[in-house]
mmCIF file of all heavy atoms, coordinates in Angstrom:
data_MODEL
# 
_entry.id   MODEL 
# 
loop_
_atom_site.group_PDB 
_atom_site.id 
_atom_site.type_symbol 
_atom_site.label_atom_id 
_atom_site.label_alt_id 
_atom_site.label_comp_id 
_atom_site.label_asym_id 
_atom_site.label_entity_id 
_atom_site.label_seq_id 
_atom_site.pdbx_PDB_ins_code 
_atom_site.Cartn_x 
_atom_site.Cartn_y 
_atom_site.Cartn_z 
_atom_site.occupancy 
_atom_site.B_iso_or_equiv 
_atom_site.pdbx_formal_charge 
_atom_site.auth_seq_id 
_atom_site.auth_comp_id 
_atom_site.auth_asym_id 
_atom_site.auth_atom_id 
_atom_site.pdbx_PDB_model_num 
ATOM 1   N N   . LYS A 1 1  ? 10.236 11.740 14.369 1.00 0.00 ? 1  LYS A N   1 
ATOM 2   C CA  . LYS A 1 1  ? 10.811 13.036 14.659 1.00 0.00 ? 1  LYS A CA  1 
ATOM 3   C C   . LYS A 1 1  ? 10.616 13.977 13.477 1.00 0.00 ? 1  LYS A C   1 
ATOM 4   O O   . LYS A 1 1  ? 10.451 13.533 12.337 1.00 0.00 ? 1  LYS A O   1 
ATOM 5   C CB  . LYS A 1 1  ? 12.295 12.889 14.989 1.00 0.00 ? 1  LYS A CB  1 
ATOM 6   C CG  . LYS A 1 1  ? 13.162 12.373 13.859 1.00 0.00 ? 1  LYS A CG  1 
ATOM 7   C CD  . LYS A 1 1  ? 14.594 12.300 14.271 1.00 0.00 ? 1  LYS A CD  1 
ATOM 8   C CE  . LYS A 1 1  ? 15.502 11.802 13.148 1.00 0.00 ? 1  LYS A CE  1 
ATOM 9   N NZ  . LYS A 1 1  ? 16.926 11.770 13.530 1.00 0.00 ? 1  LYS A NZ  1 
ATOM 10  N N   . ALA A 1 2  ? 10.613 15.308 13.811 1.00 0.00 ? 2  ALA A N   1 
ATOM 11  C CA  . ALA A 1 2  ? 10.441 16.312 12.779 1.00 0.00 ? 2  ALA A CA  1 
ATOM 12  C C   . ALA A 1 2  ? 11.775 16.625 12.140 1.00 0.00 ? 2  ALA A C   1 
ATOM 13  O O   . ALA A 1 2  ? 12.779 16.782 12.817 1.00 0.00 ? 2  ALA A O   1 
ATOM 14  C CB  . ALA A 1 2  ? 9.817  17.577 13.378 1.00 0.00 ? 2  ALA A CB  1 
ATOM 15  N N   . VAL A 1 3  ? 11.756 16.747 10.837 1.00 0.00 ? 3  VAL A N   1 
ATOM 16  C CA  . VAL A 1 3  ? 12.961 17.062 10.081 1.00 0.00 ? 3  VAL A CA  1 
ATOM 17  C C   . VAL A 1 3  ? 12.666 18.265 9.207  1.00 0.00 ? 3  VAL A C   1 
ATOM 18  O O   . VAL A 1 3  ? 11.670 18.282 8.478  1.00 0.00 ? 3  VAL A O   1 
ATOM 19  C CB  . VAL A 1 3  ? 13.383 15.879 9.185  1.00 0.00 ? 3  VAL A CB  1 
ATOM 20  C CG1 . VAL A 1 3  ? 14.641 16.207 8.373  1.00 0.00 ? 3  VAL A CG1 1 
ATOM 21  C CG2 . VAL A 1 3  ? 13.644 14.636 10.072 1.00 0.00 ? 3  VAL A CG2 1 
ATOM 22  N N   . PRO A 1 4  ? 13.479 19.325 9.316  1.00 0.00 ? 4  PRO A N   1 
ATOM 23  C CA  . PRO A 1 4  ? 13.234 20.490 8.459  1.00 0.00 ? 4  PRO A CA  1 
ATOM 24  C C   . PRO A 1 4  ? 13.445 20.170 7.000  1.00 0.00 ? 4  PRO A C   1 
ATOM 25  O O   . PRO A 1 4  ? 14.313 19.387 6.639  1.00 0.00 ? 4  PRO A O   1 
ATOM 26  C CB  . PRO A 1 4  ? 14.291 21.511 8.990  1.00 0.00 ? 4  PRO A CB  1 
ATOM 27  C CG  . PRO A 1 4  ? 15.361 20.684 9.566  1.00 0.00 ? 4  PRO A CG  1 
ATOM 28  C CD  . PRO A 1 4  ? 14.667 19.475 10.148 1.00 0.00 ? 4  PRO A CD  1 
ATOM 29  N N   . ILE A 1 5  ? 12.575 20.817 6.174  1.00 0.00 ? 5  ILE A N   1 
ATOM 30  C CA  . ILE A 1 5  ? 12.703 20.642 4.732  1.00 0.00 ? 5  ILE A CA  1 
ATOM 31  C C   . ILE A 1 5  ? 13.360 21.878 4.150  1.00 0.00 ? 5  ILE A C   1 
ATOM 32  O O   . ILE A 1 5  ? 12.866 22.989 4.350  1.00 0.00 ? 5  ILE A O   1 
ATOM 33  C CB  . ILE A 1 5  ? 11.315 20.444 4.078  1.00 0.00 ? 5  ILE A CB  1 
ATOM 34  C CG1 . ILE A 1 5  ? 10.654 19.168 4.644  1.00 0.00 ? 5  ILE A CG1 1 
ATOM 35  C CG2 . ILE A 1 5  ? 11.442 20.333 2.565  1.00 0.00 ? 5  ILE A CG2 1 
ATOM 36  C CD1 . ILE A 1 5  ? 9.282  18.927 4.079  1.00 0.00 ? 5  ILE A CD1 1 
ATOM 37  N N   . THR A 1 6  ? 14.431 21.761 3.476  1.00 0.00 ? 6  THR A N   1 
ATOM 38  C CA  . THR A 1 6  ? 15.094 22.892 2.844  1.00 0.00 ? 6  THR A CA  1 
ATOM 39  C C   . THR A 1 6  ? 14.375 23.219 1.554  1.00 0.00 ? 6  THR A C   1 
ATOM 40  O O   . THR A 1 6  ? 13.585 22.439 1.016  1.00 0.00 ? 6  THR A O   1 
ATOM 41  C CB  . THR A 1 6  ? 16.541 22.572 2.552  1.00 0.00 ? 6  THR A CB  1 
ATOM 42  O OG1 . THR A 1 6  ? 16.593 21.490 1.609  1.00 0.00 ? 6  THR A OG1 1 
ATOM 43  C CG2 . THR A 1 6  ? 17.281 22.176 3.824  1.00 0.00 ? 6  THR A CG2 1 
ATOM 44  N N   . ASP A 1 7  ? 14.636 24.478 1.035  1.00 0.00 ? 7  ASP A N   1 
ATOM 45  C CA  . ASP A 1 7  ? 13.981 24.875 -0.241 1.00 0.00 ? 7  ASP A CA  1 
ATOM 46  C C   . ASP A 1 7  ? 14.287 23.925 -1.359 1.00 0.00 ? 7  ASP A C   1 
ATOM 47  O O   . ASP A 1 7  ? 13.446 23.647 -2.192 1.00 0.00 ? 7  ASP A O   1 
ATOM 48  C CB  . ASP A 1 7  ? 14.461 26.306 -0.608 1.00 0.00 ? 7  ASP A CB  1 
ATOM 49  C CG  . ASP A 1 7  ? 13.849 27.348 0.300  1.00 0.00 ? 7  ASP A CG  1 
ATOM 50  O OD1 . ASP A 1 7  ? 12.864 27.027 0.964  1.00 0.00 ? 7  ASP A OD1 1 
ATOM 51  O OD2 . ASP A 1 7  ? 14.389 28.490 0.333  1.00 0.00 ? 7  ASP A OD2 1 
ATOM 52  N N   . SER A 1 8  ? 15.521 23.390 -1.349 1.00 0.00 ? 8  SER A N   1 
ATOM 53  C CA  . SER A 1 8  ? 15.908 22.485 -2.435 1.00 0.00 ? 8  SER A CA  1 
ATOM 54  C C   . SER A 1 8  ? 15.170 21.171 -2.350 1.00 0.00 ? 8  SER A C   1 
ATOM 55  O O   . SER A 1 8  ? 15.023 20.474 -3.332 1.00 0.00 ? 8  SER A O   1 
ATOM 56  C CB  . SER A 1 8  ? 17.428 22.251 -2.377 1.00 0.00 ? 8  SER A CB  1 
ATOM 57  O OG  . SER A 1 8  ? 17.788 21.676 -1.133 1.00 0.00 ? 8  SER A OG  1 
ATOM 58  N N   . ALA A 1 9  ? 14.699 20.828 -1.147 1.00 0.00 ? 9  ALA A N   1 
ATOM 59  C CA  . ALA A 1 9  ? 14.009 19.546 -0.963 1.00 0.00 ? 9  ALA A CA  1 
ATOM 60  C C   . ALA A 1 9  ? 12.507 19.659 -1.127 1.00 0.00 ? 9  ALA A C   1 
ATOM 61  O O   . ALA A 1 9  ? 11.812 18.664 -1.114 1.00 0.00 ? 9  ALA A O   1 
ATOM 62  C CB  . ALA A 1 9  ? 14.339 18.982 0.428  1.00 0.00 ? 9  ALA A CB  1 
ATOM 63  N N   . GLN A 1 10 ? 12.007 20.885 -1.235 1.00 0.00 ? 10 GLN A N   1 
ATOM 64  C CA  . GLN A 1 10 ? 10.543 21.051 -1.307 1.00 0.00 ? 10 GLN A CA  1 
ATOM 65  C C   . GLN A 1 10 ? 9.959  20.581 -2.617 1.00 0.00 ? 10 GLN A C   1 
ATOM 66  O O   . GLN A 1 10 ? 8.836  20.099 -2.673 1.00 0.00 ? 10 GLN A O   1 
ATOM 67  C CB  . GLN A 1 10 ? 10.177 22.519 -1.071 1.00 0.00 ? 10 GLN A CB  1 
ATOM 68  C CG  . GLN A 1 10 ? 10.416 22.938 0.364  1.00 0.00 ? 10 GLN A CG  1 
ATOM 69  C CD  . GLN A 1 10 ? 10.001 24.386 0.582  1.00 0.00 ? 10 GLN A CD  1 
ATOM 70  O OE1 . GLN A 1 10 ? 9.328  24.963 -0.248 1.00 0.00 ? 10 GLN A OE1 1 
ATOM 71  N NE2 . GLN A 1 10 ? 10.473 24.951 1.668  1.00 0.00 ? 10 GLN A NE2 1 
ATOM 72  N N   . GLY A 1 11 ? 10.672 20.751 -3.688 1.00 0.00 ? 11 GLY A N   1 
ATOM 73  C CA  . GLY A 1 11 ? 10.144 20.313 -4.970 1.00 0.00 ? 11 GLY A CA  1 
ATOM 74  C C   . GLY A 1 11 ? 9.213  21.316 -5.605 1.00 0.00 ? 11 GLY A C   1 
ATOM 75  O O   . GLY A 1 11 ? 8.789  22.282 -4.985 1.00 0.00 ? 11 GLY A O   1 
ATOM 76  N N   . PRO A 1 12 ? 8.870  21.093 -6.848 1.00 0.00 ? 12 PRO A N   1 
ATOM 77  C CA  . PRO A 1 12 ? 8.058  22.052 -7.603 1.00 0.00 ? 12 PRO A CA  1 
ATOM 78  C C   . PRO A 1 12 ? 6.655  22.207 -7.071 1.00 0.00 ? 12 PRO A C   1 
ATOM 79  O O   . PRO A 1 12 ? 6.080  23.277 -7.172 1.00 0.00 ? 12 PRO A O   1 
ATOM 80  C CB  . PRO A 1 12 ? 8.056  21.472 -9.043 1.00 0.00 ? 12 PRO A CB  1 
ATOM 81  C CG  . PRO A 1 12 ? 8.364  20.018 -8.846 1.00 0.00 ? 12 PRO A CG  1 
ATOM 82  C CD  . PRO A 1 12 ? 9.284  19.929 -7.686 1.00 0.00 ? 12 PRO A CD  1 
ATOM 83  N N   . ASP A 1 13 ? 6.065  21.145 -6.480 1.00 0.00 ? 13 ASP A N   1 
ATOM 84  C CA  . ASP A 1 13 ? 4.693  21.261 -5.993 1.00 0.00 ? 13 ASP A CA  1 
ATOM 85  C C   . ASP A 1 13 ? 4.558  22.254 -4.859 1.00 0.00 ? 13 ASP A C   1 
ATOM 86  O O   . ASP A 1 13 ? 3.621  23.070 -4.835 1.00 0.00 ? 13 ASP A O   1 
ATOM 87  C CB  . ASP A 1 13 ? 4.206  19.885 -5.542 1.00 0.00 ? 13 ASP A CB  1 
ATOM 88  C CG  . ASP A 1 13 ? 3.986  18.930 -6.704 1.00 0.00 ? 13 ASP A CG  1 
ATOM 89  O OD1 . ASP A 1 13 ? 3.864  19.428 -7.863 1.00 0.00 ? 13 ASP A OD1 1 
ATOM 90  O OD2 . ASP A 1 13 ? 3.952  17.721 -6.460 1.00 0.00 ? 13 ASP A OD2 1 
ATOM 91  N N   . LEU A 1 14 ? 5.495  22.206 -3.891 1.00 0.00 ? 14 LEU A N   1 
ATOM 92  C CA  . LEU A 1 14 ? 5.411  23.134 -2.781 1.00 0.00 ? 14 LEU A CA  1 
ATOM 93  C C   . LEU A 1 14 ? 5.766  24.554 -3.201 1.00 0.00 ? 14 LEU A C   1 
ATOM 94  O O   . LEU A 1 14 ? 5.187  25.530 -2.710 1.00 0.00 ? 14 LEU A O   1 
ATOM 95  C CB  . LEU A 1 14 ? 6.396  22.683 -1.670 1.00 0.00 ? 14 LEU A CB  1 
ATOM 96  C CG  . LEU A 1 14 ? 5.956  21.417 -0.913 1.00 0.00 ? 14 LEU A CG  1 
ATOM 97  C CD1 . LEU A 1 14 ? 7.028  21.010 0.086  1.00 0.00 ? 14 LEU A CD1 1 
ATOM 98  C CD2 . LEU A 1 14 ? 4.659  21.654 -0.195 1.00 0.00 ? 14 LEU A CD2 1 
ATOM 99  N N   . GLN A 1 15 ? 6.643  24.713 -4.141 1.00 0.00 ? 15 GLN A N   1 
ATOM 100 C CA  . GLN A 1 15 ? 6.933  26.042 -4.684 1.00 0.00 ? 15 GLN A CA  1 
ATOM 101 C C   . GLN A 1 15 ? 5.701  26.643 -5.370 1.00 0.00 ? 15 GLN A C   1 
ATOM 102 O O   . GLN A 1 15 ? 5.389  27.817 -5.205 1.00 0.00 ? 15 GLN A O   1 
ATOM 103 C CB  . GLN A 1 15 ? 8.103  25.973 -5.687 1.00 0.00 ? 15 GLN A CB  1 
ATOM 104 C CG  . GLN A 1 15 ? 9.461  25.667 -5.095 1.00 0.00 ? 15 GLN A CG  1 
ATOM 105 C CD  . GLN A 1 15 ? 10.005 26.855 -4.319 1.00 0.00 ? 15 GLN A CD  1 
ATOM 106 O OE1 . GLN A 1 15 ? 9.414  27.927 -4.313 1.00 0.00 ? 15 GLN A OE1 1 
ATOM 107 N NE2 . GLN A 1 15 ? 11.143 26.647 -3.658 1.00 0.00 ? 15 GLN A NE2 1 
ATOM 108 N N   . HIS A 1 16 ? 5.004  25.807 -6.110 1.00 0.00 ? 16 HIS A N   1 
ATOM 109 C CA  . HIS A 1 16 ? 3.774  26.236 -6.772 1.00 0.00 ? 16 HIS A CA  1 
ATOM 110 C C   . HIS A 1 16 ? 2.725  26.629 -5.740 1.00 0.00 ? 16 HIS A C   1 
ATOM 111 O O   . HIS A 1 16 ? 2.007  27.650 -5.919 1.00 0.00 ? 16 HIS A O   1 
ATOM 112 C CB  . HIS A 1 16 ? 3.248  25.125 -7.671 1.00 0.00 ? 16 HIS A CB  1 
ATOM 113 C CG  . HIS A 1 16 ? 1.920  25.440 -8.288 1.00 0.00 ? 16 HIS A CG  1 
ATOM 114 N ND1 . HIS A 1 16 ? 1.807  26.327 -9.330 1.00 0.00 ? 16 HIS A ND1 1 
ATOM 115 C CD2 . HIS A 1 16 ? 0.658  25.006 -7.998 1.00 0.00 ? 16 HIS A CD2 1 
ATOM 116 C CE1 . HIS A 1 16 ? 0.499  26.412 -9.682 1.00 0.00 ? 16 HIS A CE1 1 
ATOM 117 N NE2 . HIS A 1 16 ? -0.197 25.614 -8.879 1.00 0.00 ? 16 HIS A NE2 1 
ATOM 118 N N   . LEU A 1 17 ? 2.643  25.861 -4.655 1.00 0.00 ? 17 LEU A N   1 
ATOM 119 C CA  . LEU A 1 17 ? 1.658  26.162 -3.598 1.00 0.00 ? 17 LEU A CA  1 
ATOM 120 C C   . LEU A 1 17 ? 2.001  27.491 -2.942 1.00 0.00 ? 17 LEU A C   1 
ATOM 121 O O   . LEU A 1 17 ? 1.076  28.300 -2.656 1.00 0.00 ? 17 LEU A O   1 
ATOM 122 C CB  . LEU A 1 17 ? 1.679  25.059 -2.549 1.00 0.00 ? 17 LEU A CB  1 
ATOM 123 C CG  . LEU A 1 17 ? 0.673  25.215 -1.399 1.00 0.00 ? 17 LEU A CG  1 
ATOM 124 C CD1 . LEU A 1 17 ? -0.748 25.275 -1.921 1.00 0.00 ? 17 LEU A CD1 1 
ATOM 125 C CD2 . LEU A 1 17 ? 0.825  24.062 -0.407 1.00 0.00 ? 17 LEU A CD2 1 
ATOM 126 N N   . ARG A 1 18 ? 3.248  27.785 -2.686 1.00 0.00 ? 18 ARG A N   1 
ATOM 127 C CA  . ARG A 1 18 ? 3.651  29.038 -2.097 1.00 0.00 ? 18 ARG A CA  1 
ATOM 128 C C   . ARG A 1 18 ? 3.268  30.198 -3.019 1.00 0.00 ? 18 ARG A C   1 
ATOM 129 O O   . ARG A 1 18 ? 2.739  31.217 -2.553 1.00 0.00 ? 18 ARG A O   1 
ATOM 130 C CB  . ARG A 1 18 ? 5.153  29.021 -1.843 1.00 0.00 ? 18 ARG A CB  1 
ATOM 131 C CG  . ARG A 1 18 ? 5.685  30.371 -1.330 1.00 0.00 ? 18 ARG A CG  1 
ATOM 132 C CD  . ARG A 1 18 ? 7.183  30.336 -1.144 1.00 0.00 ? 18 ARG A CD  1 
ATOM 133 N NE  . ARG A 1 18 ? 7.550  29.447 -0.050 1.00 0.00 ? 18 ARG A NE  1 
ATOM 134 C CZ  . ARG A 1 18 ? 8.818  29.132 0.257  1.00 0.00 ? 18 ARG A CZ  1 
ATOM 135 N NH1 . ARG A 1 18 ? 9.795  29.659 -0.477 1.00 0.00 ? 18 ARG A NH1 1 
ATOM 136 N NH2 . ARG A 1 18 ? 9.063  28.346 1.282  1.00 0.00 ? 18 ARG A NH2 1 
ATOM 137 N N   . LEU A 1 19 ? 3.552  30.101 -4.304 1.00 0.00 ? 19 LEU A N   1 
ATOM 138 C CA  . LEU A 1 19 ? 3.212  31.139 -5.250 1.00 0.00 ? 19 LEU A CA  1 
ATOM 139 C C   . LEU A 1 19 ? 1.695  31.364 -5.324 1.00 0.00 ? 19 LEU A C   1 
ATOM 140 O O   . LEU A 1 19 ? 1.206  32.468 -5.427 1.00 0.00 ? 19 LEU A O   1 
ATOM 141 C CB  . LEU A 1 19 ? 3.763  30.807 -6.648 1.00 0.00 ? 19 LEU A CB  1 
ATOM 142 C CG  . LEU A 1 19 ? 5.288  30.801 -6.785 1.00 0.00 ? 19 LEU A CG  1 
ATOM 143 C CD1 . LEU A 1 19 ? 5.704  30.321 -8.162 1.00 0.00 ? 19 LEU A CD1 1 
ATOM 144 C CD2 . LEU A 1 19 ? 5.830  32.212 -6.526 1.00 0.00 ? 19 LEU A CD2 1 
ATOM 145 N N   . LYS A 1 20 ? 0.980  30.254 -5.260 1.00 0.00 ? 20 LYS A N   1 
ATOM 146 C CA  . LYS A 1 20 ? -0.511 30.339 -5.307 1.00 0.00 ? 20 LYS A CA  1 
ATOM 147 C C   . LYS A 1 20 ? -1.032 31.068 -4.080 1.00 0.00 ? 20 LYS A C   1 
ATOM 148 O O   . LYS A 1 20 ? -1.964 31.903 -4.197 1.00 0.00 ? 20 LYS A O   1 
ATOM 149 C CB  . LYS A 1 20 ? -1.105 28.934 -5.399 1.00 0.00 ? 20 LYS A CB  1 
ATOM 150 C CG  . LYS A 1 20 ? -2.599 28.939 -5.726 1.00 0.00 ? 20 LYS A CG  1 
ATOM 151 C CD  . LYS A 1 20 ? -2.841 29.473 -7.125 1.00 0.00 ? 20 LYS A CD  1 
ATOM 152 C CE  . LYS A 1 20 ? -4.312 29.396 -7.475 1.00 0.00 ? 20 LYS A CE  1 
ATOM 153 N NZ  . LYS A 1 20 ? -4.580 29.988 -8.818 1.00 0.00 ? 20 LYS A NZ  1 
ATOM 154 N N   . CYS A 1 21 ? -0.481 30.794 -2.925 1.00 0.00 ? 21 CYS A N   1 
ATOM 155 C CA  . CYS A 1 21 ? -0.902 31.495 -1.697 1.00 0.00 ? 21 CYS A CA  1 
ATOM 156 C C   . CYS A 1 21 ? -0.651 32.978 -1.789 1.00 0.00 ? 21 CYS A C   1 
ATOM 157 O O   . CYS A 1 21 ? -1.484 33.788 -1.403 1.00 0.00 ? 21 CYS A O   1 
ATOM 158 C CB  . CYS A 1 21 ? -0.181 30.900 -0.475 1.00 0.00 ? 21 CYS A CB  1 
ATOM 159 S SG  . CYS A 1 21 ? -0.745 29.262 -0.003 1.00 0.00 ? 21 CYS A SG  1 
ATOM 160 N N   . GLU A 1 22 ? 0.513  33.344 -2.322 1.00 0.00 ? 22 GLU A N   1 
ATOM 161 C CA  . GLU A 1 22 ? 0.833  34.761 -2.476 1.00 0.00 ? 22 GLU A CA  1 
ATOM 162 C C   . GLU A 1 22 ? -0.140 35.427 -3.459 1.00 0.00 ? 22 GLU A C   1 
ATOM 163 O O   . GLU A 1 22 ? -0.587 36.571 -3.242 1.00 0.00 ? 22 GLU A O   1 
ATOM 164 C CB  . GLU A 1 22 ? 2.275  34.925 -2.959 1.00 0.00 ? 22 GLU A CB  1 
ATOM 165 C CG  . GLU A 1 22 ? 3.312  34.507 -1.949 1.00 0.00 ? 22 GLU A CG  1 
ATOM 166 C CD  . GLU A 1 22 ? 4.718  34.559 -2.508 1.00 0.00 ? 22 GLU A CD  1 
ATOM 167 O OE1 . GLU A 1 22 ? 4.857  34.794 -3.745 1.00 0.00 ? 22 GLU A OE1 1 
ATOM 168 O OE2 . GLU A 1 22 ? 5.670  34.347 -1.723 1.00 0.00 ? 22 GLU A OE2 1 
ATOM 169 N N   . GLU A 1 23 ? -0.498 34.699 -4.521 1.00 0.00 ? 23 GLU A N   1 
ATOM 170 C CA  . GLU A 1 23 ? -1.448 35.252 -5.478 1.00 0.00 ? 23 GLU A CA  1 
ATOM 171 C C   . GLU A 1 23 ? -2.821 35.466 -4.857 1.00 0.00 ? 23 GLU A C   1 
ATOM 172 O O   . GLU A 1 23 ? -3.476 36.472 -5.069 1.00 0.00 ? 23 GLU A O   1 
ATOM 173 C CB  . GLU A 1 23 ? -1.557 34.286 -6.672 1.00 0.00 ? 23 GLU A CB  1 
ATOM 174 C CG  . GLU A 1 23 ? -2.537 34.775 -7.749 1.00 0.00 ? 23 GLU A CG  1 
ATOM 175 C CD  . GLU A 1 23 ? -2.676 33.778 -8.890 1.00 0.00 ? 23 GLU A CD  1 
ATOM 176 O OE1 . GLU A 1 23 ? -1.879 32.812 -8.931 1.00 0.00 ? 23 GLU A OE1 1 
ATOM 177 O OE2 . GLU A 1 23 ? -3.581 33.947 -9.718 1.00 0.00 ? 23 GLU A OE2 1 
ATOM 178 N N   . LEU A 1 24 ? -3.268 34.487 -4.044 1.00 0.00 ? 24 LEU A N   1 
ATOM 179 C CA  . LEU A 1 24 ? -4.558 34.609 -3.374 1.00 0.00 ? 24 LEU A CA  1 
ATOM 180 C C   . LEU A 1 24 ? -4.570 35.758 -2.371 1.00 0.00 ? 24 LEU A C   1 
ATOM 181 O O   . LEU A 1 24 ? -5.570 36.439 -2.218 1.00 0.00 ? 24 LEU A O   1 
ATOM 182 C CB  . LEU A 1 24 ? -4.893 33.269 -2.658 1.00 0.00 ? 24 LEU A CB  1 
ATOM 183 C CG  . LEU A 1 24 ? -5.247 32.109 -3.582 1.00 0.00 ? 24 LEU A CG  1 
ATOM 184 C CD1 . LEU A 1 24 ? -5.403 30.830 -2.771 1.00 0.00 ? 24 LEU A CD1 1 
ATOM 185 C CD2 . LEU A 1 24 ? -6.550 32.395 -4.344 1.00 0.00 ? 24 LEU A CD2 1 
# 
């Protein structure tokens, strides 16, 4: 089953990926 990931559960790697996408 699919479980939503909260911002607190995403960790630094996913946060970095989000920032990188915005930069691109």
